[in-house]
Amino acid sequence: MASLNKVLLIGNLTRDPDVRVMTNGRPVCNFGLALNRSYKDAEGNRREETTFVDVECFGPKAEAVGRFFSKGRAIFVEGRLKLDQWESKEGEKRSALRVVLENFEFVDSKQDAAQSQGAKSYEAPKAPSSNQVKSPTEPQSSFTETSADGGDPDLDEDVPF
């Protein structure tokens, strides 16, 4: 009999990721994810439903999630379901269903992330704009005169259309 265990989720972290190192030296990261759903009930009223999911990941992905994500930040998670079962101190059988992250993607922009609550500041190096840095092999122009529309007056006559 065939089976498939695949989960795709987009949501916001409910808490900062908790990164720890297992006894074998492999990093593990745990975080909560809030998944929001809007719908209309039978009377036509707009309702909101939030589902909370625990997520865990291992290895380099655990380190990356811990470094670049924080509470409130949106994330796309691809993973699988895992059922953990244990017995409490009182002898009761307990279980919890969680998602084991296999891949993830950033959903929001870096600017959105910096504005979210408690976001860790991370900015990728920005490429210099053309007016900040000139290539040493690029010829320097001393031409400053412009036409009424802001363009080069010598080029206005050369435009074929």
Protein backbone atom coordinates (compact mmCIF):
# COMPACT_ATOMS: atom_id res chain seq x y z
CA MET A 1 0.00 0.00 0.00
CA ALA A 2 1.37 3.42 -0.97
CA SER A 3 1.66 6.28 1.50
CA LEU A 4 2.60 9.93 1.37
CA ASN A 5 3.66 12.12 4.26
CA LYS A 6 4.12 15.68 2.96
CA VAL A 7 3.16 18.96 4.61
CA LEU A 8 3.27 22.46 3.06
CA LEU A 9 2.61 25.37 5.43
CA ILE A 10 2.92 29.15 5.37
CA GLY A 11 2.58 30.93 8.69
CA ASN A 12 4.19 33.18 11.26
CA LEU A 13 6.52 32.13 14.05
CA THR A 14 4.81 32.27 17.45
CA ARG A 15 8.10 32.47 19.32
CA ASP A 16 11.79 32.87 18.61
CA PRO A 17 13.41 29.67 17.36
CA ASP A 18 15.07 27.59 20.07
CA VAL A 19 18.35 26.17 18.71
CA ARG A 20 20.15 23.53 20.76
CA VAL A 21 22.89 21.01 20.13
CA MET A 22 22.13 17.32 20.60
CA THR A 23 24.58 14.99 22.34
CA ASN A 24 25.85 13.85 18.92
CA GLY A 25 26.77 17.48 18.11
CA ARG A 26 23.98 17.99 15.57
CA PRO A 27 21.95 21.21 15.94
CA VAL A 28 18.18 21.00 16.41
CA CYS A 29 15.74 23.91 16.21
CA ASN A 30 12.17 24.04 17.55
CA PHE A 31 9.65 26.79 16.90
CA GLY A 32 5.91 27.33 16.82
CA LEU A 33 3.97 28.30 13.73
CA ALA A 34 0.59 30.08 13.60
CA LEU A 35 -1.54 29.36 10.53
CA ASN A 36 -4.45 31.75 9.94
CA ARG A 37 -7.60 30.94 8.00
CA SER A 38 -10.44 33.33 7.14
CA TYR A 39 -13.85 32.00 6.23
CA LYS A 40 -17.54 32.85 6.33
CA ASP A 41 -19.80 30.95 8.70
CA ALA A 42 -23.34 29.71 7.86
CA GLU A 43 -24.78 33.16 8.68
CA GLY A 44 -22.30 34.91 6.35
CA ASN A 45 -20.18 36.40 9.12
CA ARG A 46 -16.44 36.61 8.55
CA ARG A 47 -14.55 34.36 10.98
CA GLU A 48 -10.87 33.84 11.75
CA GLU A 49 -9.36 30.52 12.76
CA THR A 50 -5.79 30.04 13.92
CA THR A 51 -4.03 26.68 14.07
CA PHE A 52 -0.81 26.32 16.04
CA VAL A 53 1.79 23.80 14.88
CA ASP A 54 5.11 22.79 16.44
CA VAL A 55 7.99 22.48 13.97
CA GLU A 56 11.46 20.98 14.41
CA CYS A 57 14.44 20.91 12.10
CA PHE A 58 17.97 19.57 12.21
CA GLY A 59 21.48 20.31 10.93
CA PRO A 60 22.38 23.38 8.87
CA LYS A 61 18.70 24.22 8.31
CA ALA A 62 18.22 24.42 12.08
CA GLU A 63 21.09 26.88 12.32
CA ALA A 64 19.73 28.98 9.42
CA VAL A 65 16.21 29.15 10.89
CA GLY A 66 17.65 30.15 14.25
CA ARG A 67 19.79 32.84 12.67
CA PHE A 68 17.37 34.46 10.22
CA PHE A 69 13.94 34.04 11.80
CA SER A 70 12.28 35.45 14.88
CA LYS A 71 8.85 35.75 16.42
CA GLY A 72 6.31 37.15 13.98
CA ARG A 73 8.29 36.46 10.81
CA ALA A 74 6.56 34.58 7.99
CA ILE A 75 8.02 31.30 6.72
CA PHE A 76 7.14 28.65 4.16
CA VAL A 77 7.74 25.16 5.56
CA GLU A 78 7.92 21.93 3.61
CA GLY A 79 8.17 18.83 5.72
CA ARG A 80 6.56 15.69 7.09
CA LEU A 81 4.36 14.80 10.04
CA LYS A 82 5.85 12.99 13.03
CA LEU A 83 3.98 11.57 16.00
CA ASP A 84 5.87 11.68 19.30
CA GLN A 85 4.57 9.38 22.07
CA TRP A 86 5.69 9.20 25.69
CA GLU A 87 4.47 8.45 29.17
CA SER A 88 4.10 11.26 31.70
CA LYS A 89 5.45 11.09 35.26
CA GLU A 90 1.93 10.22 36.40
CA GLY A 91 1.90 7.22 34.04
CA GLU A 92 -0.46 8.75 31.46
CA LYS A 93 0.20 8.06 27.79
CA ARG A 94 0.83 11.32 25.93
CA SER A 95 1.35 12.17 22.28
CA ALA A 96 2.03 15.20 20.10
CA LEU A 97 1.92 15.63 16.36
CA ARG A 98 4.61 17.90 14.93
CA VAL A 99 6.13 18.82 11.58
CA VAL A 100 9.73 17.93 10.78
CA LEU A 101 11.06 20.63 8.46
CA GLU A 102 12.79 19.38 5.32
CA ASN A 103 12.93 22.68 3.39
CA PHE A 104 11.96 26.28 4.04
CA GLU A 105 11.75 29.58 2.20
CA PHE A 106 11.53 33.21 3.23
CA VAL A 107 8.04 34.58 2.59
CA ASP A 108 8.44 38.22 3.54
CA SER A 109 11.01 40.72 2.36
CA LYS A 110 14.02 41.68 4.46
CA GLN A 111 12.39 45.08 5.07
CA ASP A 112 9.16 43.44 6.32
CA ALA A 113 11.21 41.19 8.57
CA ALA A 114 13.08 44.12 10.11
CA GLN A 115 9.74 45.76 10.97
CA SER A 116 8.19 42.65 12.55
CA GLN A 117 8.23 42.24 16.33
CA GLY A 118 11.58 41.28 17.75
CA ALA A 119 13.11 40.70 14.33
CA LYS A 120 16.81 40.08 14.24
CA SER A 121 18.51 42.52 11.94
CA TYR A 122 19.94 40.92 8.85
CA GLU A 123 20.65 42.68 5.61
CA ALA A 124 22.34 41.17 2.63
CA PRO A 125 25.08 43.28 1.09
CA LYS A 126 23.54 45.79 -1.27
CA ALA A 127 24.86 46.37 -4.76
CA PRO A 128 26.08 49.92 -5.18
CA SER A 129 23.87 52.19 -7.26
CA SER A 130 25.31 53.60 -10.46
CA ASN A 131 25.85 57.06 -8.96
CA GLN A 132 27.76 55.75 -5.91
CA VAL A 133 30.62 53.79 -7.40
CA LYS A 134 32.10 53.99 -10.87
CA SER A 135 34.09 51.23 -12.40
CA PRO A 136 37.75 52.22 -12.85
CA THR A 137 37.49 51.28 -16.55
CA GLU A 138 34.26 53.26 -17.06
CA PRO A 139 34.89 56.64 -18.70
CA GLN A 140 34.03 59.58 -16.47
CA SER A 141 31.68 62.09 -18.05
CA SER A 142 31.77 65.78 -17.22
CA PHE A 143 28.57 66.49 -19.15
CA THR A 144 25.95 68.06 -16.83
CA GLU A 145 23.57 69.88 -19.21
CA THR A 146 20.15 68.24 -19.67
CA SER A 147 17.14 68.92 -21.86
CA ALA A 148 13.75 70.01 -20.51
CA ASP A 149 12.61 66.40 -20.07
CA GLY A 150 15.73 65.52 -18.05
CA GLY A 151 17.47 63.59 -20.82
CA ASP A 152 20.61 64.28 -22.82
CA PRO A 153 19.88 67.08 -25.37
CA ASP A 154 22.18 65.50 -27.99
CA LEU A 155 20.30 62.19 -27.86
CA ASP A 156 16.81 63.70 -28.42
CA GLU A 157 17.43 64.09 -32.18
CA ASP A 158 18.86 60.56 -32.59
CA VAL A 159 15.78 58.70 -31.33
CA PRO A 160 14.27 56.78 -34.30
CA PHE A 161 10.64 56.96 -33.13
